[in-house]
C-alpha atoms as a PDB file:
ATOM      1  CA  UNK A   1      62.842 -66.167 104.576  1.00  0.00           C
ATOM      2  CA  UNK A   2      65.265 -69.242 104.587  1.00  0.00           C
ATOM      3  CA  UNK A   3      68.872 -69.534 103.975  1.00  0.00           C
ATOM      4  CA  UNK A   4      68.204 -70.360 100.098  1.00  0.00           C
ATOM      5  CA  UNK A   5      65.440 -67.149  99.992  1.00  0.00           C
ATOM      6  CA  UNK A   6      62.456 -69.046  99.960  1.00  0.00           C
ATOM      7  CA  UNK A   7      59.464 -67.894 101.961  1.00  0.00           C
ATOM      8  CA  UNK A   8      58.958 -69.825 104.889  1.00  0.00           C
ATOM      9  CA  UNK A   9      55.338 -70.570 104.527  1.00  0.00           C
ATOM     10  CA  UNK A  10      54.174 -70.974 108.148  1.00  0.00           C
ATOM     11  CA  UNK A  11      55.550 -67.730 109.136  1.00  0.00           C
ATOM     12  CA  UNK A  12      53.473 -65.591 106.883  1.00  0.00           C
ATOM     13  CA  UNK A  13      50.934 -63.094 108.846  1.00  0.00           C
ATOM     14  CA  UNK A  14      48.251 -61.466 106.794  1.00  0.00           C
ATOM     15  CA  UNK A  15      46.857 -58.170 109.200  1.00  0.00           C
ATOM     16  CA  UNK A  16      43.534 -56.286 108.429  1.00  0.00           C
ATOM     17  CA  UNK A  17      41.789 -58.928 105.996  1.00  0.00           C
ATOM     18  CA  UNK A  18      38.465 -59.724 107.371  1.00  0.00           C
ATOM     19  CA  UNK A  19      37.856 -62.471 104.881  1.00  0.00           C
ATOM     20  CA  UNK A  20      40.059 -65.525 105.600  1.00  0.00           C
ATOM     21  CA  UNK A  21      39.843 -66.956 102.333  1.00  0.00           C
ATOM     22  CA  UNK A  22      41.258 -64.246 100.801  1.00  0.00           C
ATOM     23  CA  UNK A  23      44.026 -63.822 103.335  1.00  0.00           C
ATOM     24  CA  UNK A  24      45.010 -67.369 102.646  1.00  0.00           C
ATOM     25  CA  UNK A  25      44.978 -66.827  98.930  1.00  0.00           C
ATOM     26  CA  UNK A  26      47.401 -63.492  99.819  1.00  0.00           C
ATOM     27  CA  UNK A  27      49.659 -65.531 102.018  1.00  0.00           C
ATOM     28  CA  UNK A  28      49.880 -68.215  99.440  1.00  0.00           C
ATOM     29  CA  UNK A  29      50.881 -65.647  96.687  1.00  0.00           C
ATOM     30  CA  UNK A  30      53.747 -64.239  98.854  1.00  0.00           C
ATOM     31  CA  UNK A  31      54.872 -67.491  99.502  1.00  0.00           C
ATOM     32  CA  UNK A  32      55.677 -67.260  95.816  1.00  0.00           C
ATOM     33  CA  UNK A  33      57.775 -64.466  95.731  1.00  0.00           C
ATOM     34  CA  UNK A  34      61.362 -65.189  95.203  1.00  0.00           C
ATOM     35  CA  UNK A  35      64.232 -63.402  97.210  1.00  0.00           C
ATOM     36  CA  UNK A  36      67.608 -63.336  97.756  1.00  0.00           C
ATOM     37  CA  UNK A  37      69.019 -64.491 101.155  1.00  0.00           C
ATOM     38  CA  UNK A  38      70.647 -62.182 103.523  1.00  0.00           C
ATOM     39  CA  UNK A  39      74.057 -62.416 104.244  1.00  0.00           C
ATOM     40  CA  UNK A  40      76.176 -61.839 107.380  1.00  0.00           C
ATOM     41  CA  UNK A  41      79.874 -62.643 107.478  1.00  0.00           C
ATOM     42  CA  UNK A  42      79.720 -64.156 103.925  1.00  0.00           C
ATOM     43  CA  UNK A  43      77.352 -66.863 105.115  1.00  0.00           C
ATOM     44  CA  UNK A  44      73.295 -66.604 103.924  1.00  0.00           C
ATOM     45  CA  UNK A  45      71.190 -66.677 107.008  1.00  0.00           C
ATOM     46  CA  UNK A  46      67.568 -66.673 107.597  1.00  0.00           C
ATOM     47  CA  UNK A  47      65.936 -63.507 107.754  1.00  0.00           C
ATOM     48  CA  UNK A  48      62.286 -61.590 108.008  1.00  0.00           C
ATOM     49  CA  UNK A  49      60.770 -59.467 105.552  1.00  0.00           C
ATOM     50  CA  UNK A  50      58.205 -56.981 106.142  1.00  0.00           C
ATOM     51  CA  UNK A  51      55.745 -56.321 103.108  1.00  0.00           C
ATOM     52  CA  UNK A  52      53.034 -53.545 103.615  1.00  0.00           C
ATOM     53  CA  UNK A  53      50.257 -52.989 101.146  1.00  0.00           C
ATOM     54  CA  UNK A  54      47.641 -50.692 101.294  1.00  0.00           C
ATOM     55  CA  UNK A  55      44.549 -51.611  98.961  1.00  0.00           C
END
């Protein structure tokens, strides 16, 4: 995510889903999740988030 807490859309990777259309829909919906930005030394910083989900 970026320093505002927004997901960087082109950084989303969906693994283990054979249907590309479904994977694209999953990536889109993940991009809508609001996050709080990470902080370091009082400054907002970019960070990585791993979301694991089992169907």
